[in-house]
Amino acid sequence: MKVCFHIHSQYSKDSFLNLEKIVDFAKKNKIDVVILSDHNNLAPEKEIKKFKEIRIIPGEEIKTNQGEIIGIFLKEKIPAGLSLEETVKKIKEQKGLVVIPHPFDCLRRNRLKKSSLFKIVNQIDIIEVFNALNLFNSANKKAEEFAQKEKKIKIVGSDAHLLKEINKAIIEMDNFSDQFDFLEKLKKAKFYIKRPNLLFFIFSTLMKGLKKLLT
């Protein structure tokens, strides 16, 4: 099955994607599962349940006082601004998975610093080793090396805010029943990625800024 991780829907202030558009794109591109990662927000369960043909997994990209982390398979929104440790605790209380997005991208001011990563290293479930909006591939390589060294499960993310960004990172894996089975099956997944060019990166950045101004 094909899975897309790190998708921002209308529940992120900087995204142009509503759930209908995401599902329609997924169906047309034979994507089976979409994992949301909305900024400091969580798509309501009642909205997700409207869509039967595509599996949507709720997730939140949470801004802690030390940087951003992602919780997936969440049931309730986690507030922004908490300590890193408290945020991780709240993800785990919901039996969610802790994912570290774009940890070494120097262009992102909200990334977790390396010192912060080591504070919670034993509680990290997954490392995003490729982010399709990382302009410099060196950031992805450092994430890969970190995951390898710390023996963490890897994932790739599209970080999509626009329709054409959704399939920039595809995960091909066996079907899974729940978050724990997902974690196990992810170990043997295959990744298919498309690196951004400079013009597309600039366009995407400008569009996200425009969306924030309009909301």
C-alpha atoms as a PDB file:
ATOM      1  CA  MET A   1       0.000   0.000   0.000  1.00  0.00           C
ATOM      2  CA  LYS A   2       1.027   3.618  -0.570  1.00  0.00           C
ATOM      3  CA  VAL A   3       1.231   6.014   2.377  1.00  0.00           C
ATOM      4  CA  CYS A   4       1.888   9.768   2.433  1.00  0.00           C
ATOM      5  CA  PHE A   5       3.129  11.319   5.668  1.00  0.00           C
ATOM      6  CA  HIS A   6       3.365  14.948   6.839  1.00  0.00           C
ATOM      7  CA  ILE A   7       0.360  16.472   5.095  1.00  0.00           C
ATOM      8  CA  HIS A   8      -1.069  19.831   6.169  1.00  0.00           C
ATOM      9  CA  SER A   9      -4.815  20.290   5.712  1.00  0.00           C
ATOM     10  CA  GLN A  10      -7.139  23.261   6.216  1.00  0.00           C
ATOM     11  CA  TYR A  11      -6.542  22.808   9.937  1.00  0.00           C
ATOM     12  CA  SER A  12      -3.083  24.353   9.426  1.00  0.00           C
ATOM     13  CA  LYS A  13      -3.143  28.124   8.972  1.00  0.00           C
ATOM     14  CA  ASP A  14      -0.583  28.000   6.159  1.00  0.00           C
ATOM     15  CA  SER A  15      -2.172  25.240   4.063  1.00  0.00           C
ATOM     16  CA  PHE A  16      -4.314  25.570   0.950  1.00  0.00           C
ATOM     17  CA  LEU A  17      -5.504  21.959   1.220  1.00  0.00           C
ATOM     18  CA  ASN A  18      -8.894  20.920   2.522  1.00  0.00           C
ATOM     19  CA  LEU A  19      -9.640  17.275   3.273  1.00  0.00           C
ATOM     20  CA  GLU A  20     -11.760  16.900   0.132  1.00  0.00           C
ATOM     21  CA  LYS A  21      -8.857  17.990  -2.098  1.00  0.00           C
ATOM     22  CA  ILE A  22      -6.427  15.715  -0.280  1.00  0.00           C
ATOM     23  CA  VAL A  23      -8.720  12.690  -0.606  1.00  0.00           C
ATOM     24  CA  ASP A  24      -9.448  13.399  -4.269  1.00  0.00           C
ATOM     25  CA  PHE A  25      -5.727  13.675  -5.023  1.00  0.00           C
ATOM     26  CA  ALA A  26      -5.032  10.478  -3.078  1.00  0.00           C
ATOM     27  CA  LYS A  27      -7.662   8.542  -5.041  1.00  0.00           C
ATOM     28  CA  LYS A  28      -6.358   9.788  -8.393  1.00  0.00           C
ATOM     29  CA  ASN A  29      -2.776   8.866  -7.452  1.00  0.00           C
ATOM     30  CA  LYS A  30      -3.616   5.512  -5.844  1.00  0.00           C
ATOM     31  CA  ILE A  31      -2.539   6.616  -2.384  1.00  0.00           C
ATOM     32  CA  ASP A  32      -4.143   4.452   0.307  1.00  0.00           C
ATOM     33  CA  VAL A  33      -3.267   6.304   3.524  1.00  0.00           C
ATOM     34  CA  VAL A  34      -2.701   9.976   4.333  1.00  0.00           C
ATOM     35  CA  ILE A  35      -1.088  10.941   7.645  1.00  0.00           C
ATOM     36  CA  LEU A  36      -1.911  14.516   8.653  1.00  0.00           C
ATOM     37  CA  SER A  37       0.483  16.735  10.592  1.00  0.00           C
ATOM     38  CA  ASP A  38      -1.425  19.969  11.125  1.00  0.00           C
ATOM     39  CA  HIS A  39       0.280  22.887  12.847  1.00  0.00           C
ATOM     40  CA  ASN A  40      -0.877  23.072  16.480  1.00  0.00           C
ATOM     41  CA  ASN A  41      -4.219  21.596  15.499  1.00  0.00           C
ATOM     42  CA  LEU A  42      -5.928  18.266  14.984  1.00  0.00           C
ATOM     43  CA  ALA A  43      -8.492  17.454  12.307  1.00  0.00           C
ATOM     44  CA  PRO A  44     -11.807  16.529  14.020  1.00  0.00           C
ATOM     45  CA  GLU A  45     -12.610  12.828  14.053  1.00  0.00           C
ATOM     46  CA  LYS A  46     -16.123  13.477  12.709  1.00  0.00           C
ATOM     47  CA  GLU A  47     -14.647  15.175   9.625  1.00  0.00           C
ATOM     48  CA  ILE A  48     -12.123  12.395   9.021  1.00  0.00           C
ATOM     49  CA  LYS A  49     -14.827   9.731   9.270  1.00  0.00           C
ATOM     50  CA  LYS A  50     -16.685  11.268   6.315  1.00  0.00           C
ATOM     51  CA  PHE A  51     -14.118   9.783   3.974  1.00  0.00           C
ATOM     52  CA  LYS A  52     -14.335   6.028   3.480  1.00  0.00           C
ATOM     53  CA  GLU A  53     -12.166   5.317   0.423  1.00  0.00           C
ATOM     54  CA  ILE A  54      -8.935   6.787   1.823  1.00  0.00           C
ATOM     55  CA  ARG A  55      -7.641   6.145   5.324  1.00  0.00           C
ATOM     56  CA  ILE A  56      -6.791   9.407   7.097  1.00  0.00           C
ATOM     57  CA  ILE A  57      -4.660   9.260  10.229  1.00  0.00           C
ATOM     58  CA  PRO A  58      -4.803  12.352  12.453  1.00  0.00           C
ATOM     59  CA  GLY A  59      -1.596  14.001  13.525  1.00  0.00           C
ATOM     60  CA  GLU A  60      -0.340  17.293  14.877  1.00  0.00           C
ATOM     61  CA  GLU A  61       2.908  19.203  14.349  1.00  0.00           C
ATOM     62  CA  ILE A  62       3.277  20.764  17.769  1.00  0.00           C
ATOM     63  CA  LYS A  63       5.418  23.792  18.550  1.00  0.00           C
ATOM     64  CA  THR A  64       7.022  23.155  21.932  1.00  0.00           C
ATOM     65  CA  ASN A  65       9.171  25.650  23.803  1.00  0.00           C
ATOM     66  CA  GLN A  66      12.207  23.987  22.206  1.00  0.00           C
ATOM     67  CA  GLY A  67      10.973  23.360  18.689  1.00  0.00           C
ATOM     68  CA  GLU A  68       8.509  21.281  16.681  1.00  0.00           C
ATOM     69  CA  ILE A  69       7.651  17.616  17.061  1.00  0.00           C
ATOM     70  CA  ILE A  70       4.883  15.563  15.476  1.00  0.00           C
ATOM     71  CA  GLY A  71       2.430  13.281  17.213  1.00  0.00           C
ATOM     72  CA  ILE A  72       0.502  10.843  15.027  1.00  0.00           C
ATOM     73  CA  PHE A  73      -2.430   8.545  15.799  1.00  0.00           C
ATOM     74  CA  LEU A  74      -3.689  11.195  18.218  1.00  0.00           C
ATOM     75  CA  LYS A  75      -7.206  11.427  19.620  1.00  0.00           C
ATOM     76  CA  GLU A  76      -7.014  14.903  21.167  1.00  0.00           C
ATOM     77  CA  LYS A  77      -5.258  18.142  20.265  1.00  0.00           C
ATOM     78  CA  ILE A  78      -2.145  18.951  22.298  1.00  0.00           C
ATOM     79  CA  PRO A  79      -1.623  22.656  23.088  1.00  0.00           C
ATOM     80  CA  ALA A  80       1.390  24.509  21.718  1.00  0.00           C
ATOM     81  CA  GLY A  81       3.984  26.123  23.954  1.00  0.00           C
ATOM     82  CA  LEU A  82       4.465  23.314  26.445  1.00  0.00           C
ATOM     83  CA  SER A  83       7.882  21.968  27.330  1.00  0.00           C
ATOM     84  CA  LEU A  84       9.316  19.346  25.032  1.00  0.00           C
ATOM     85  CA  GLU A  85       9.112  16.709  27.743  1.00  0.00           C
ATOM     86  CA  GLU A  86       5.484  17.529  28.622  1.00  0.00           C
ATOM     87  CA  THR A  87       4.471  17.405  24.957  1.00  0.00           C
ATOM     88  CA  VAL A  88       6.083  13.988  24.498  1.00  0.00           C
ATOM     89  CA  LYS A  89       4.312  12.786  27.642  1.00  0.00           C
ATOM     90  CA  LYS A  90       0.936  13.923  26.276  1.00  0.00           C
ATOM     91  CA  ILE A  91       1.543  12.145  22.970  1.00  0.00           C
ATOM     92  CA  LYS A  92       2.425   8.941  24.788  1.00  0.00           C
ATOM     93  CA  GLU A  93      -0.610   9.228  27.086  1.00  0.00           C
ATOM     94  CA  GLN A  94      -2.773   9.011  23.950  1.00  0.00           C
ATOM     95  CA  LYS A  95      -0.733   6.007  22.765  1.00  0.00           C
ATOM     96  CA  GLY A  96       0.425   8.146  19.879  1.00  0.00           C
ATOM     97  CA  LEU A  97       3.793   7.980  18.146  1.00  0.00           C
ATOM     98  CA  VAL A  98       6.499  10.635  18.498  1.00  0.00           C
ATOM     99  CA  VAL A  99       7.996  11.706  15.162  1.00  0.00           C
ATOM    100  CA  ILE A 100      10.830  14.217  14.766  1.00  0.00           C
ATOM    101  CA  PRO A 101      10.381  16.293  11.585  1.00  0.00           C
ATOM    102  CA  HIS A 102      13.215  18.005   9.648  1.00  0.00           C
ATOM    103  CA  PRO A 103      15.612  17.920  12.637  1.00  0.00           C
ATOM    104  CA  PHE A 104      18.700  19.300  10.892  1.00  0.00           C
ATOM    105  CA  ASP A 105      17.280  21.857   8.445  1.00  0.00           C
ATOM    106  CA  CYS A 106      19.141  25.059   9.263  1.00  0.00           C
ATOM    107  CA  LEU A 107      16.520  27.158   7.420  1.00  0.00           C
ATOM    108  CA  ARG A 108      13.793  26.233   9.909  1.00  0.00           C
ATOM    109  CA  ARG A 109      13.830  28.289  13.064  1.00  0.00           C
ATOM    110  CA  ASN A 110      11.371  25.943  14.783  1.00  0.00           C
ATOM    111  CA  ARG A 111      13.413  22.776  14.354  1.00  0.00           C
ATOM    112  CA  LEU A 112      14.534  20.851  17.414  1.00  0.00           C
ATOM    113  CA  LYS A 113      18.198  21.447  18.169  1.00  0.00           C
ATOM    114  CA  LYS A 114      20.483  18.456  18.579  1.00  0.00           C
ATOM    115  CA  SER A 115      20.767  19.010  22.342  1.00  0.00           C
ATOM    116  CA  SER A 116      16.966  18.841  22.621  1.00  0.00           C
ATOM    117  CA  LEU A 117      16.861  15.651  20.544  1.00  0.00           C
ATOM    118  CA  PHE A 118      19.130  13.914  23.008  1.00  0.00           C
ATOM    119  CA  LYS A 119      16.899  14.938  25.915  1.00  0.00           C
ATOM    120  CA  ILE A 120      14.080  12.778  24.543  1.00  0.00           C
ATOM    121  CA  VAL A 121      16.030  10.328  22.397  1.00  0.00           C
ATOM    122  CA  ASN A 122      14.721   7.289  24.264  1.00  0.00           C
ATOM    123  CA  GLN A 123      11.107   8.342  23.642  1.00  0.00           C
ATOM    124  CA  ILE A 124      11.427   9.071  19.927  1.00  0.00           C
ATOM    125  CA  ASP A 125       9.612   6.514  17.787  1.00  0.00           C
ATOM    126  CA  ILE A 126      10.397   7.781  14.294  1.00  0.00           C
ATOM    127  CA  ILE A 127      12.814  10.184  12.589  1.00  0.00           C
ATOM    128  CA  GLU A 128      11.882  11.984   9.364  1.00  0.00           C
ATOM    129  CA  VAL A 129      15.005  11.281   7.310  1.00  0.00           C
ATOM    130  CA  PHE A 130      13.722  13.032   4.196  1.00  0.00           C
ATOM    131  CA  ASN A 131      11.554  16.130   4.082  1.00  0.00           C
ATOM    132  CA  ALA A 132      10.549  17.205   0.583  1.00  0.00           C
ATOM    133  CA  LEU A 133      10.770  20.900   1.524  1.00  0.00           C
ATOM    134  CA  ASN A 134      14.330  20.707   2.820  1.00  0.00           C
ATOM    135  CA  LEU A 135      16.184  22.828   0.282  1.00  0.00           C
ATOM    136  CA  PHE A 136      19.570  21.413   1.252  1.00  0.00           C
ATOM    137  CA  ASN A 137      19.942  17.649   0.997  1.00  0.00           C
ATOM    138  CA  SER A 138      22.632  17.789   3.690  1.00  0.00           C
ATOM    139  CA  ALA A 139      19.827  18.223   6.246  1.00  0.00           C
ATOM    140  CA  ASN A 140      18.238  14.975   5.098  1.00  0.00           C
ATOM    141  CA  LYS A 141      21.590  13.187   5.197  1.00  0.00           C
ATOM    142  CA  LYS A 142      22.218  14.324   8.777  1.00  0.00           C
ATOM    143  CA  ALA A 143      18.766  13.090   9.797  1.00  0.00           C
ATOM    144  CA  GLU A 144      19.494   9.731   8.151  1.00  0.00           C
ATOM    145  CA  GLU A 145      22.813   9.462   9.972  1.00  0.00           C
ATOM    146  CA  PHE A 146      21.195  10.374  13.296  1.00  0.00           C
ATOM    147  CA  ALA A 147      18.459   7.770  12.858  1.00  0.00           C
ATOM    148  CA  GLN A 148      21.040   5.153  11.910  1.00  0.00           C
ATOM    149  CA  LYS A 149      23.266   5.925  14.887  1.00  0.00           C
ATOM    150  CA  GLU A 150      20.411   5.998  17.398  1.00  0.00           C
ATOM    151  CA  LYS A 151      18.706   2.951  15.820  1.00  0.00           C
ATOM    152  CA  LYS A 152      15.439   4.807  15.175  1.00  0.00           C
ATOM    153  CA  ILE A 153      12.754   3.881  12.663  1.00  0.00           C
ATOM    154  CA  LYS A 154      12.810   6.091   9.571  1.00  0.00           C
ATOM    155  CA  ILE A 155      10.091   7.837   7.601  1.00  0.00           C
ATOM    156  CA  VAL A 156       9.918  10.274   4.679  1.00  0.00           C
ATOM    157  CA  GLY A 157       7.582  13.249   4.585  1.00  0.00           C
ATOM    158  CA  SER A 158       6.212  15.508   1.873  1.00  0.00           C
ATOM    159  CA  ASP A 159       5.469  18.426   4.238  1.00  0.00           C
ATOM    160  CA  ALA A 160       2.677  19.230   1.794  1.00  0.00           C
ATOM    161  CA  HIS A 161       0.777  22.518   1.980  1.00  0.00           C
ATOM    162  CA  LEU A 162      -0.090  22.526  -1.736  1.00  0.00           C
ATOM    163  CA  LEU A 163      -1.705  19.799  -3.846  1.00  0.00           C
ATOM    164  CA  LYS A 164       1.342  19.058  -6.003  1.00  0.00           C
ATOM    165  CA  GLU A 165       3.502  18.507  -2.927  1.00  0.00           C
ATOM    166  CA  ILE A 166       1.545  15.549  -1.565  1.00  0.00           C
ATOM    167  CA  ASN A 167       3.304  12.791  -3.517  1.00  0.00           C
ATOM    168  CA  LYS A 168       6.838  14.171  -3.186  1.00  0.00           C
ATOM    169  CA  ALA A 169       7.467  11.447  -0.603  1.00  0.00           C
ATOM    170  CA  ILE A 170       5.793   8.050  -0.908  1.00  0.00           C
ATOM    171  CA  ILE A 171       6.013   5.195   1.597  1.00  0.00           C
ATOM    172  CA  GLU A 172       5.307   1.746   0.224  1.00  0.00           C
ATOM    173  CA  MET A 173       4.539  -0.692   3.020  1.00  0.00           C
ATOM    174  CA  ASP A 174       2.335  -3.574   4.106  1.00  0.00           C
ATOM    175  CA  ASN A 175      -1.130  -2.875   5.458  1.00  0.00           C
ATOM    176  CA  PHE A 176      -1.291  -2.172   9.185  1.00  0.00           C
ATOM    177  CA  SER A 177      -3.969  -2.460  11.854  1.00  0.00           C
ATOM    178  CA  ASP A 178      -2.973   0.191  14.421  1.00  0.00           C
ATOM    179  CA  GLN A 179      -0.132   2.496  15.442  1.00  0.00           C
ATOM    180  CA  PHE A 180       1.997  -0.297  16.863  1.00  0.00           C
ATOM    181  CA  ASP A 181       1.593  -2.434  13.764  1.00  0.00           C
ATOM    182  CA  PHE A 182       2.375   0.666  11.660  1.00  0.00           C
ATOM    183  CA  LEU A 183       5.638   1.081  13.556  1.00  0.00           C
ATOM    184  CA  GLU A 184       6.571  -2.536  12.931  1.00  0.00           C
ATOM    185  CA  LYS A 185       5.663  -2.505   9.227  1.00  0.00           C
ATOM    186  CA  LEU A 186       7.479   0.821   8.714  1.00  0.00           C
ATOM    187  CA  LYS A 187      10.780  -0.927   9.474  1.00  0.00           C
ATOM    188  CA  LYS A 188      10.533  -2.770   6.134  1.00  0.00           C
ATOM    189  CA  ALA A 189       8.989   0.045   4.071  1.00  0.00           C
ATOM    190  CA  LYS A 190      10.355   1.331   0.779  1.00  0.00           C
ATOM    191  CA  PHE A 191      10.673   5.064   0.174  1.00  0.00           C
ATOM    192  CA  TYR A 192      10.208   6.988  -3.081  1.00  0.00           C
ATOM    193  CA  ILE A 193      11.227  10.644  -2.951  1.00  0.00           C
ATOM    194  CA  LYS A 194      11.429  13.744  -5.145  1.00  0.00           C
ATOM    195  CA  ARG A 195      13.768  16.548  -4.148  1.00  0.00           C
ATOM    196  CA  PRO A 196      12.551  20.145  -4.583  1.00  0.00           C
ATOM    197  CA  ASN A 197      14.172  22.600  -6.936  1.00  0.00           C
ATOM    198  CA  LEU A 198      14.887  26.167  -5.869  1.00  0.00           C
ATOM    199  CA  LEU A 199      12.008  27.747  -7.823  1.00  0.00           C
ATOM    200  CA  PHE A 200       9.438  25.356  -6.385  1.00  0.00           C
ATOM    201  CA  PHE A 201      10.837  25.893  -2.873  1.00  0.00           C
ATOM    202  CA  ILE A 202      10.488  29.687  -3.249  1.00  0.00           C
ATOM    203  CA  PHE A 203       6.966  29.350  -4.677  1.00  0.00           C
ATOM    204  CA  SER A 204       5.873  27.042  -1.852  1.00  0.00           C
ATOM    205  CA  THR A 205       7.333  29.364   0.800  1.00  0.00           C
ATOM    206  CA  LEU A 206       5.601  32.423  -0.686  1.00  0.00           C
ATOM    207  CA  MET A 207       2.262  30.610  -0.906  1.00  0.00           C
ATOM    208  CA  LYS A 208       2.439  29.543   2.739  1.00  0.00           C
ATOM    209  CA  GLY A 209       3.171  33.121   3.760  1.00  0.00           C
ATOM    210  CA  LEU A 210       0.248  34.374   1.653  1.00  0.00           C
ATOM    211  CA  LYS A 211      -2.120  31.873   3.261  1.00  0.00           C
ATOM    212  CA  LYS A 212      -1.110  33.053   6.738  1.00  0.00           C
ATOM    213  CA  LEU A 213      -1.831  36.658   5.732  1.00  0.00           C
ATOM    214  CA  LEU A 214      -5.273  35.692   4.434  1.00  0.00           C
ATOM    215  CA  THR A 215      -6.336  33.892   7.619  1.00  0.00           C
END
